[in-house]
Amino acid sequence: MIKEFIRSQFQFNVDGTALDVSAIHRDGDQAPIVFLHGFGSTKEDYADIVRHAAFDGHPFVAYDAPGCGETRCADLSQISIPFLVKTARAVLEQVRFDRFHLIGHSMGGLTALMLAHQQPDSVLGFVDIEGNIAPEDCFLSRQIVDYPRDGAERFFDDFIERTRHAPAYASALYAASLRHKVRAAAVGGIFRSMVDLSDNGDLMSKFLGLPFPRMFMYGEQNASLSYLSHIRERGVVLAEIPDCGHFPMYSNPVLMWKAIAAFIGQRN
C-alpha cells in the first residue's frame, strides 16, 4: 500500500502537562498548510487533501487537539483555547514549518486566529471556517452556560442529544461520533474559554488586524451572520458553501476544498 501521508505521535509538554499528539502530515516543495479541526472533529477531517490535485506538492499537518481523537493528554482539566494555541506552536516545531497557510474550523478557527495574532509573520494566508470572531458564534460552546448540569458526563450527554436534533445540515452525523471523538472532561474548559474569548477577547479587531489575506468560509444556513458584510468591506474574502451549515467538511466537502484551493492558489 502506498502511504500518501505519514501518521506520527509527537510527545511534548505544554504548561507542565504531558501530551502525546496524534498527527498526519507529508512533505513537499510548495507552501505548507496547517489544519486545526473543530470541536468534536479530528485530524481526519482534512486527510482528503491528498485526493485533490490542486494541493499537490504542498506539505501539510493535521493533528488531534488535546482531549480529542487519538491524542492523549495527561490532565484534561488544563485544556483551553490558550492551551490549544501552545499545542499548535509545539506541533509546528515538530514539523518545522516556518511559514504556512493556516486553516481552522470552529474551535480550530479560534485557535488559529489566536496563533496568527501572536505570530503574524509566520502566516501566508488564513482560511477561517466559521471560527469564532464575535459573541454570536458561540451557538455550540455557550451551551455550557445556558444548559448547566452537574458533572461533565451529564452535560455532554445532553449536548449530544440537543445536537442530534438541531435543524441544520450534518447535525445528526456530527452528534453520532461526538462521544468517540471527545473526552467529556475536556468539554467544559474548551467551551468556557471559547465563550470568554468571544465575549471579551476583541476577536473581531484581531481578525481584521491580521496583515495577510483572509478568507471566511460559512455554510449557506449561516448566511445571516451579522458581520459578514462588515468583514467583506474590510478586505476579507467570503466563501459561502451551499447546502451546508456549520460543517462544510461533512455536508459539501467538494466545494469546501475547491474554495480553499482557489484561495491558496492565488497566494503561492
C-alpha atoms as a PDB file:
ATOM      1  CA  MET A   1       0.000   0.000   0.000  1.00  0.00           C
ATOM      2  CA  ILE A   2       1.314   3.431  -0.949  1.00  0.00           C
ATOM      3  CA  LYS A   3       1.006   5.808   2.017  1.00  0.00           C
ATOM      4  CA  GLU A   4       0.065   9.295   0.874  1.00  0.00           C
ATOM      5  CA  PHE A   5       0.732  10.801   4.279  1.00  0.00           C
ATOM      6  CA  ILE A   6       2.619   9.854   7.425  1.00  0.00           C
ATOM      7  CA  ARG A   7       0.959   9.179  10.772  1.00  0.00           C
ATOM      8  CA  SER A   8       3.092  10.260  13.732  1.00  0.00           C
ATOM      9  CA  GLN A   9       2.940  10.673  17.504  1.00  0.00           C
ATOM     10  CA  PHE A  10       4.557  13.831  18.885  1.00  0.00           C
ATOM     11  CA  GLN A  11       5.423  13.829  22.592  1.00  0.00           C
ATOM     12  CA  PHE A  12       5.972  17.100  24.458  1.00  0.00           C
ATOM     13  CA  ASN A  13       4.764  19.094  27.466  1.00  0.00           C
ATOM     14  CA  VAL A  14       2.552  22.174  27.485  1.00  0.00           C
ATOM     15  CA  ASP A  15       2.475  24.111  30.764  1.00  0.00           C
ATOM     16  CA  GLY A  16       3.794  21.034  32.532  1.00  0.00           C
ATOM     17  CA  THR A  17       1.127  18.734  31.063  1.00  0.00           C
ATOM     18  CA  ALA A  18       2.352  15.747  29.067  1.00  0.00           C
ATOM     19  CA  LEU A  19       0.875  15.340  25.577  1.00  0.00           C
ATOM     20  CA  ASP A  20       1.104  12.546  23.035  1.00  0.00           C
ATOM     21  CA  VAL A  21      -0.261  14.195  19.900  1.00  0.00           C
ATOM     22  CA  SER A  22      -1.523  12.083  17.002  1.00  0.00           C
ATOM     23  CA  ALA A  23      -0.856  13.740  13.652  1.00  0.00           C
ATOM     24  CA  ILE A  24      -0.906  13.126   9.923  1.00  0.00           C
ATOM     25  CA  HIS A  25       1.488  15.007   7.669  1.00  0.00           C
ATOM     26  CA  ARG A  26       3.527  14.926   4.489  1.00  0.00           C
ATOM     27  CA  ASP A  27       6.479  16.737   2.941  1.00  0.00           C
ATOM     28  CA  GLY A  28       6.549  18.769  -0.254  1.00  0.00           C
ATOM     29  CA  ASP A  29       8.175  21.665  -2.075  1.00  0.00           C
ATOM     30  CA  GLN A  30       5.257  24.123  -2.040  1.00  0.00           C
ATOM     31  CA  ALA A  31       3.974  26.322   0.790  1.00  0.00           C
ATOM     32  CA  PRO A  32       2.978  24.249   3.859  1.00  0.00           C
ATOM     33  CA  ILE A  33      -0.611  24.075   5.109  1.00  0.00           C
ATOM     34  CA  VAL A  34      -1.613  23.720   8.771  1.00  0.00           C
ATOM     35  CA  PHE A  35      -5.092  22.393   9.613  1.00  0.00           C
ATOM     36  CA  LEU A  36      -6.799  22.825  13.003  1.00  0.00           C
ATOM     37  CA  HIS A  37     -10.030  20.860  13.432  1.00  0.00           C
ATOM     38  CA  GLY A  38     -13.152  21.972  15.256  1.00  0.00           C
ATOM     39  CA  PHE A  39     -14.704  20.753  18.486  1.00  0.00           C
ATOM     40  CA  GLY A  40     -15.963  17.207  18.083  1.00  0.00           C
ATOM     41  CA  SER A  41     -13.876  16.564  14.988  1.00  0.00           C
ATOM     42  CA  THR A  42     -10.446  15.079  14.310  1.00  0.00           C
ATOM     43  CA  LYS A  43      -7.459  15.355  12.005  1.00  0.00           C
ATOM     44  CA  GLU A  44      -9.171  13.044   9.519  1.00  0.00           C
ATOM     45  CA  ASP A  45     -11.460  15.925   8.531  1.00  0.00           C
ATOM     46  CA  TYR A  46      -8.556  17.040   6.341  1.00  0.00           C
ATOM     47  CA  ALA A  47      -6.991  13.767   5.190  1.00  0.00           C
ATOM     48  CA  ASP A  48      -8.698  14.117   1.803  1.00  0.00           C
ATOM     49  CA  ILE A  49      -6.281  16.885   0.883  1.00  0.00           C
ATOM     50  CA  VAL A  50      -4.328  14.071  -0.787  1.00  0.00           C
ATOM     51  CA  ARG A  51      -7.310  13.421  -3.100  1.00  0.00           C
ATOM     52  CA  HIS A  52      -7.234  16.917  -4.618  1.00  0.00           C
ATOM     53  CA  ALA A  53      -4.599  17.628  -7.267  1.00  0.00           C
ATOM     54  CA  ALA A  54      -4.728  21.368  -6.552  1.00  0.00           C
ATOM     55  CA  PHE A  55      -2.728  20.700  -3.376  1.00  0.00           C
ATOM     56  CA  ASP A  56      -0.052  18.507  -4.949  1.00  0.00           C
ATOM     57  CA  GLY A  57       3.358  19.436  -3.605  1.00  0.00           C
ATOM     58  CA  HIS A  58       2.032  21.186  -0.508  1.00  0.00           C
ATOM     59  CA  PRO A  59       3.336  19.820   2.779  1.00  0.00           C
ATOM     60  CA  PHE A  60       0.618  19.687   5.420  1.00  0.00           C
ATOM     61  CA  VAL A  61      -0.032  18.740   9.011  1.00  0.00           C
ATOM     62  CA  ALA A  62      -3.302  17.969  10.766  1.00  0.00           C
ATOM     63  CA  TYR A  63      -3.472  16.643  14.304  1.00  0.00           C
ATOM     64  CA  ASP A  64      -5.937  15.732  17.024  1.00  0.00           C
ATOM     65  CA  ALA A  65      -6.215  18.534  19.575  1.00  0.00           C
ATOM     66  CA  PRO A  66      -5.745  17.601  23.253  1.00  0.00           C
ATOM     67  CA  GLY A  67      -8.914  15.975  24.538  1.00  0.00           C
ATOM     68  CA  CYS A  68      -9.849  14.835  21.041  1.00  0.00           C
ATOM     69  CA  GLY A  69      -9.310  11.882  18.750  1.00  0.00           C
ATOM     70  CA  GLU A  70      -6.203   9.773  19.322  1.00  0.00           C
ATOM     71  CA  THR A  71      -4.222  12.433  21.185  1.00  0.00           C
ATOM     72  CA  ARG A  72      -3.521  11.682  24.841  1.00  0.00           C
ATOM     73  CA  CYS A  73      -3.420  14.461  27.443  1.00  0.00           C
ATOM     74  CA  ALA A  74      -2.255  13.778  30.995  1.00  0.00           C
ATOM     75  CA  ASP A  75      -4.556  16.406  32.547  1.00  0.00           C
ATOM     76  CA  LEU A  76      -7.766  17.179  30.682  1.00  0.00           C
ATOM     77  CA  SER A  77      -8.645  19.962  33.120  1.00  0.00           C
ATOM     78  CA  GLN A  78      -5.833  22.093  31.663  1.00  0.00           C
ATOM     79  CA  ILE A  79      -7.327  22.300  28.190  1.00  0.00           C
ATOM     80  CA  SER A  80      -8.485  25.712  26.961  1.00  0.00           C
ATOM     81  CA  ILE A  81      -8.005  27.773  23.822  1.00  0.00           C
ATOM     82  CA  PRO A  82      -4.704  29.263  25.115  1.00  0.00           C
ATOM     83  CA  PHE A  83      -3.547  25.702  25.855  1.00  0.00           C
ATOM     84  CA  LEU A  84      -4.506  24.662  22.317  1.00  0.00           C
ATOM     85  CA  VAL A  85      -2.558  27.591  20.870  1.00  0.00           C
ATOM     86  CA  LYS A  86       0.560  26.474  22.746  1.00  0.00           C
ATOM     87  CA  THR A  87      -0.036  22.951  21.468  1.00  0.00           C
ATOM     88  CA  ALA A  88      -0.198  24.244  17.890  1.00  0.00           C
ATOM     89  CA  ARG A  89       3.099  26.068  18.315  1.00  0.00           C
ATOM     90  CA  ALA A  90       4.727  22.906  19.663  1.00  0.00           C
ATOM     91  CA  VAL A  91       3.443  20.860  16.708  1.00  0.00           C
ATOM     92  CA  LEU A  92       4.835  23.463  14.303  1.00  0.00           C
ATOM     93  CA  GLU A  93       8.234  22.994  15.916  1.00  0.00           C
ATOM     94  CA  GLN A  94       7.932  19.244  15.394  1.00  0.00           C
ATOM     95  CA  VAL A  95       7.191  19.536  11.669  1.00  0.00           C
ATOM     96  CA  ARG A  96       9.488  22.560  11.204  1.00  0.00           C
ATOM     97  CA  PHE A  97       7.028  24.744   9.340  1.00  0.00           C
ATOM     98  CA  ASP A  98       8.301  28.332   9.466  1.00  0.00           C
ATOM     99  CA  ARG A  99       5.761  29.985   7.141  1.00  0.00           C
ATOM    100  CA  PHE A 100       2.461  28.361   6.248  1.00  0.00           C
ATOM    101  CA  HIS A 101      -1.149  28.704   5.206  1.00  0.00           C
ATOM    102  CA  LEU A 102      -3.449  28.312   8.199  1.00  0.00           C
ATOM    103  CA  ILE A 103      -6.874  26.672   8.022  1.00  0.00           C
ATOM    104  CA  GLY A 104      -9.091  26.264  11.082  1.00  0.00           C
ATOM    105  CA  HIS A 105     -12.700  25.245  11.631  1.00  0.00           C
ATOM    106  CA  SER A 106     -14.839  26.448  14.581  1.00  0.00           C
ATOM    107  CA  MET A 107     -12.750  25.785  17.729  1.00  0.00           C
ATOM    108  CA  GLY A 108      -9.778  25.322  15.407  1.00  0.00           C
ATOM    109  CA  GLY A 109     -10.586  28.610  13.697  1.00  0.00           C
ATOM    110  CA  LEU A 110     -10.459  30.419  17.031  1.00  0.00           C
ATOM    111  CA  THR A 111      -7.227  28.651  17.925  1.00  0.00           C
ATOM    112  CA  ALA A 112      -5.817  29.613  14.528  1.00  0.00           C
ATOM    113  CA  LEU A 113      -6.857  33.237  15.000  1.00  0.00           C
ATOM    114  CA  MET A 114      -5.054  33.475  18.340  1.00  0.00           C
ATOM    115  CA  LEU A 115      -1.991  31.755  16.879  1.00  0.00           C
ATOM    116  CA  ALA A 116      -1.960  34.097  13.877  1.00  0.00           C
ATOM    117  CA  HIS A 117      -2.350  37.125  16.141  1.00  0.00           C
ATOM    118  CA  GLN A 118       0.672  36.010  18.177  1.00  0.00           C
ATOM    119  CA  GLN A 119       2.964  35.267  15.222  1.00  0.00           C
ATOM    120  CA  PRO A 120       1.611  37.027  12.117  1.00  0.00           C
ATOM    121  CA  ASP A 121       4.921  36.858  10.265  1.00  0.00           C
ATOM    122  CA  SER A 122       4.588  33.069  10.084  1.00  0.00           C
ATOM    123  CA  VAL A 123       1.230  33.026   8.261  1.00  0.00           C
ATOM    124  CA  LEU A 124       0.876  33.300   4.485  1.00  0.00           C
ATOM    125  CA  GLY A 125      -2.917  33.222   4.480  1.00  0.00           C
ATOM    126  CA  PHE A 126      -5.772  32.236   6.787  1.00  0.00           C
ATOM    127  CA  VAL A 127      -8.949  30.329   5.914  1.00  0.00           C
ATOM    128  CA  ASP A 128     -11.321  30.685   8.865  1.00  0.00           C
ATOM    129  CA  ILE A 129     -14.162  28.152   8.569  1.00  0.00           C
ATOM    130  CA  GLU A 130     -16.794  29.580  10.911  1.00  0.00           C
ATOM    131  CA  GLY A 131     -14.256  30.166  13.648  1.00  0.00           C
ATOM    132  CA  ASN A 132     -15.336  32.451  16.477  1.00  0.00           C
ATOM    133  CA  ILE A 133     -14.857  36.152  15.809  1.00  0.00           C
ATOM    134  CA  ALA A 134     -17.966  37.521  17.602  1.00  0.00           C
ATOM    135  CA  PRO A 135     -20.211  36.578  20.561  1.00  0.00           C
ATOM    136  CA  GLU A 136     -22.922  35.277  18.210  1.00  0.00           C
ATOM    137  CA  ASP A 137     -20.586  32.477  17.108  1.00  0.00           C
ATOM    138  CA  CYS A 138     -20.964  30.626  20.424  1.00  0.00           C
ATOM    139  CA  PHE A 139     -24.064  28.680  19.429  1.00  0.00           C
ATOM    140  CA  LEU A 140     -22.389  25.413  20.478  1.00  0.00           C
ATOM    141  CA  SER A 141     -19.971  26.499  23.204  1.00  0.00           C
ATOM    142  CA  ARG A 142     -22.401  28.816  25.032  1.00  0.00           C
ATOM    143  CA  GLN A 143     -24.472  25.781  25.939  1.00  0.00           C
ATOM    144  CA  ILE A 144     -22.044  25.292  28.845  1.00  0.00           C
ATOM    145  CA  VAL A 145     -23.617  28.477  30.275  1.00  0.00           C
ATOM    146  CA  ASP A 146     -27.187  28.104  29.031  1.00  0.00           C
ATOM    147  CA  TYR A 147     -27.672  24.427  29.926  1.00  0.00           C
ATOM    148  CA  PRO A 148     -25.552  23.731  33.033  1.00  0.00           C
ATOM    149  CA  ARG A 149     -25.593  20.230  34.503  1.00  0.00           C
ATOM    150  CA  ASP A 150     -23.894  18.583  37.455  1.00  0.00           C
ATOM    151  CA  GLY A 151     -20.991  16.618  36.045  1.00  0.00           C
ATOM    152  CA  ALA A 152     -19.167  16.614  32.734  1.00  0.00           C
ATOM    153  CA  GLU A 153     -20.736  13.382  31.528  1.00  0.00           C
ATOM    154  CA  ARG A 154     -24.300  14.578  32.107  1.00  0.00           C
ATOM    155  CA  PHE A 155     -23.672  17.852  30.300  1.00  0.00           C
ATOM    156  CA  PHE A 156     -22.072  16.032  27.389  1.00  0.00           C
ATOM    157  CA  ASP A 157     -24.936  13.528  27.147  1.00  0.00           C
ATOM    158  CA  ASP A 158     -27.444  16.374  26.925  1.00  0.00           C
ATOM    159  CA  PHE A 159     -25.272  18.327  24.484  1.00  0.00           C
ATOM    160  CA  ILE A 160     -25.091  15.335  22.160  1.00  0.00           C
ATOM    161  CA  GLU A 161     -28.848  14.858  22.243  1.00  0.00           C
ATOM    162  CA  ARG A 162     -29.549  18.532  21.522  1.00  0.00           C
ATOM    163  CA  THR A 163     -27.064  18.437  18.665  1.00  0.00           C
ATOM    164  CA  ARG A 164     -28.611  15.279  17.212  1.00  0.00           C
ATOM    165  CA  HIS A 165     -31.931  17.117  16.732  1.00  0.00           C
ATOM    166  CA  ALA A 166     -30.592  20.538  15.709  1.00  0.00           C
ATOM    167  CA  PRO A 167     -32.238  21.733  12.464  1.00  0.00           C
ATOM    168  CA  ALA A 168     -29.015  22.064  10.499  1.00  0.00           C
ATOM    169  CA  TYR A 169     -27.105  20.095   7.877  1.00  0.00           C
ATOM    170  CA  ALA A 170     -24.967  17.223   9.270  1.00  0.00           C
ATOM    171  CA  SER A 171     -26.073  17.742  12.884  1.00  0.00           C
ATOM    172  CA  ALA A 172     -27.094  14.128  13.435  1.00  0.00           C
ATOM    173  CA  LEU A 173     -23.990  12.838  11.646  1.00  0.00           C
ATOM    174  CA  TYR A 174     -21.793  15.067  13.810  1.00  0.00           C
ATOM    175  CA  ALA A 175     -23.595  14.059  17.014  1.00  0.00           C
ATOM    176  CA  ALA A 176     -23.201  10.347  16.273  1.00  0.00           C
ATOM    177  CA  SER A 177     -19.419  10.424  16.723  1.00  0.00           C
ATOM    178  CA  LEU A 178     -19.032  13.044  19.443  1.00  0.00           C
ATOM    179  CA  ARG A 179     -18.705  10.546  22.276  1.00  0.00           C
ATOM    180  CA  HIS A 180     -15.966   8.706  20.387  1.00  0.00           C
ATOM    181  CA  LYS A 181     -14.005  11.820  19.401  1.00  0.00           C
ATOM    182  CA  VAL A 182     -14.053  13.964  22.555  1.00  0.00           C
ATOM    183  CA  ARG A 183     -13.353  13.233  26.207  1.00  0.00           C
ATOM    184  CA  ALA A 184     -16.187  14.619  28.317  1.00  0.00           C
ATOM    185  CA  ALA A 185     -13.780  16.033  30.909  1.00  0.00           C
ATOM    186  CA  ALA A 186     -12.251  18.301  28.247  1.00  0.00           C
ATOM    187  CA  VAL A 187     -15.522  19.903  27.138  1.00  0.00           C
ATOM    188  CA  GLY A 188     -16.062  22.399  29.956  1.00  0.00           C
ATOM    189  CA  GLY A 189     -12.637  24.008  29.748  1.00  0.00           C
ATOM    190  CA  ILE A 190     -12.792  24.297  25.978  1.00  0.00           C
ATOM    191  CA  PHE A 191     -16.302  25.750  25.909  1.00  0.00           C
ATOM    192  CA  ARG A 192     -15.768  28.231  28.753  1.00  0.00           C
ATOM    193  CA  SER A 193     -12.605  29.612  27.179  1.00  0.00           C
ATOM    194  CA  MET A 194     -14.332  29.911  23.798  1.00  0.00           C
ATOM    195  CA  VAL A 195     -17.190  31.880  25.358  1.00  0.00           C
ATOM    196  CA  ASP A 196     -14.825  34.108  27.336  1.00  0.00           C
ATOM    197  CA  LEU A 197     -12.702  34.931  24.305  1.00  0.00           C
ATOM    198  CA  SER A 198     -15.739  35.505  22.082  1.00  0.00           C
ATOM    199  CA  ASP A 199     -17.293  37.886  24.608  1.00  0.00           C
ATOM    200  CA  ASN A 200     -14.174  39.617  25.931  1.00  0.00           C
ATOM    201  CA  GLY A 201     -11.224  38.864  23.634  1.00  0.00           C
ATOM    202  CA  ASP A 202     -11.744  41.582  20.995  1.00  0.00           C
ATOM    203  CA  LEU A 203     -11.650  38.857  18.359  1.00  0.00           C
ATOM    204  CA  MET A 204     -13.061  40.950  15.522  1.00  0.00           C
ATOM    205  CA  SER A 205     -10.279  43.513  15.862  1.00  0.00           C
ATOM    206  CA  LYS A 206      -7.714  40.736  15.993  1.00  0.00           C
ATOM    207  CA  PHE A 207      -9.132  39.114  12.863  1.00  0.00           C
ATOM    208  CA  LEU A 208      -9.412  42.325  10.851  1.00  0.00           C
ATOM    209  CA  GLY A 209      -5.966  43.431  12.008  1.00  0.00           C
ATOM    210  CA  LEU A 210      -4.157  40.418  10.581  1.00  0.00           C
ATOM    211  CA  PRO A 211      -1.653  41.590   7.930  1.00  0.00           C
ATOM    212  CA  PHE A 212      -2.157  38.793   5.390  1.00  0.00           C
ATOM    213  CA  PRO A 213      -5.001  37.529   3.145  1.00  0.00           C
ATOM    214  CA  ARG A 214      -8.002  36.064   4.955  1.00  0.00           C
ATOM    215  CA  MET A 215     -10.990  34.050   3.841  1.00  0.00           C
ATOM    216  CA  PHE A 216     -14.067  33.497   5.994  1.00  0.00           C
ATOM    217  CA  MET A 217     -15.963  30.378   4.974  1.00  0.00           C
ATOM    218  CA  TYR A 218     -19.515  29.722   6.171  1.00  0.00           C
ATOM    219  CA  GLY A 219     -22.433  27.485   5.361  1.00  0.00           C
ATOM    220  CA  GLU A 220     -25.473  28.734   3.469  1.00  0.00           C
ATOM    221  CA  GLN A 221     -27.590  28.165   6.607  1.00  0.00           C
ATOM    222  CA  ASN A 222     -25.431  30.710   8.447  1.00  0.00           C
ATOM    223  CA  ALA A 223     -25.590  33.452   5.841  1.00  0.00           C
ATOM    224  CA  SER A 224     -27.442  35.596   8.399  1.00  0.00           C
ATOM    225  CA  LEU A 225     -24.297  36.154  10.489  1.00  0.00           C
ATOM    226  CA  SER A 226     -24.445  39.863  11.263  1.00  0.00           C
ATOM    227  CA  TYR A 227     -20.827  40.720  10.493  1.00  0.00           C
ATOM    228  CA  LEU A 228     -20.390  39.244   7.009  1.00  0.00           C
ATOM    229  CA  SER A 229     -20.782  42.492   5.067  1.00  0.00           C
ATOM    230  CA  HIS A 230     -18.537  44.290   7.568  1.00  0.00           C
ATOM    231  CA  ILE A 231     -15.621  41.892   7.180  1.00  0.00           C
ATOM    232  CA  ARG A 232     -16.048  41.801   3.382  1.00  0.00           C
ATOM    233  CA  GLU A 233     -15.756  45.598   3.318  1.00  0.00           C
ATOM    234  CA  ARG A 234     -12.527  45.251   5.288  1.00  0.00           C
ATOM    235  CA  GLY A 235     -10.962  43.036   2.649  1.00  0.00           C
ATOM    236  CA  VAL A 236     -11.877  39.552   3.864  1.00  0.00           C
ATOM    237  CA  VAL A 237     -12.785  37.099   1.097  1.00  0.00           C
ATOM    238  CA  LEU A 238     -16.135  35.420   1.778  1.00  0.00           C
ATOM    239  CA  ALA A 239     -16.881  31.849   0.720  1.00  0.00           C
ATOM    240  CA  GLU A 240     -20.486  30.725   1.167  1.00  0.00           C
ATOM    241  CA  ILE A 241     -20.851  26.955   0.837  1.00  0.00           C
ATOM    242  CA  PRO A 242     -24.306  25.896  -0.432  1.00  0.00           C
ATOM    243  CA  ASP A 243     -26.354  23.056   1.044  1.00  0.00           C
ATOM    244  CA  CYS A 244     -24.356  23.403   4.241  1.00  0.00           C
ATOM    245  CA  GLY A 245     -24.491  24.544   7.857  1.00  0.00           C
ATOM    246  CA  HIS A 246     -21.548  24.678  10.257  1.00  0.00           C
ATOM    247  CA  PHE A 247     -19.764  21.629   8.814  1.00  0.00           C
ATOM    248  CA  PRO A 248     -18.708  22.010   5.164  1.00  0.00           C
ATOM    249  CA  MET A 249     -16.311  19.070   5.512  1.00  0.00           C
ATOM    250  CA  TYR A 250     -19.339  16.819   6.106  1.00  0.00           C
ATOM    251  CA  SER A 251     -22.084  18.479   4.060  1.00  0.00           C
ATOM    252  CA  ASN A 252     -20.297  19.792   0.981  1.00  0.00           C
ATOM    253  CA  PRO A 253     -16.611  18.852   1.062  1.00  0.00           C
ATOM    254  CA  VAL A 254     -16.076  19.158  -2.697  1.00  0.00           C
ATOM    255  CA  LEU A 255     -16.928  22.856  -2.733  1.00  0.00           C
ATOM    256  CA  MET A 256     -15.056  23.386   0.542  1.00  0.00           C
ATOM    257  CA  TRP A 257     -11.848  22.023  -0.996  1.00  0.00           C
ATOM    258  CA  LYS A 258     -12.370  23.995  -4.207  1.00  0.00           C
ATOM    259  CA  ALA A 259     -12.758  27.244  -2.274  1.00  0.00           C
ATOM    260  CA  ILE A 260      -9.644  26.547  -0.194  1.00  0.00           C
ATOM    261  CA  ALA A 261      -7.654  25.619  -3.302  1.00  0.00           C
ATOM    262  CA  ALA A 262      -8.712  28.807  -5.110  1.00  0.00           C
ATOM    263  CA  PHE A 263      -7.725  30.956  -2.143  1.00  0.00           C
ATOM    264  CA  ILE A 264      -4.343  29.299  -1.607  1.00  0.00           C
ATOM    265  CA  GLY A 265      -3.623  29.038  -5.336  1.00  0.00           C
ATOM    266  CA  GLN A 266      -3.816  32.802  -5.736  1.00  0.00           C
ATOM    267  CA  ARG A 267      -1.253  33.317  -2.997  1.00  0.00           C
ATOM    268  CA  ASN A 268       1.581  30.892  -3.748  1.00  0.00           C
END
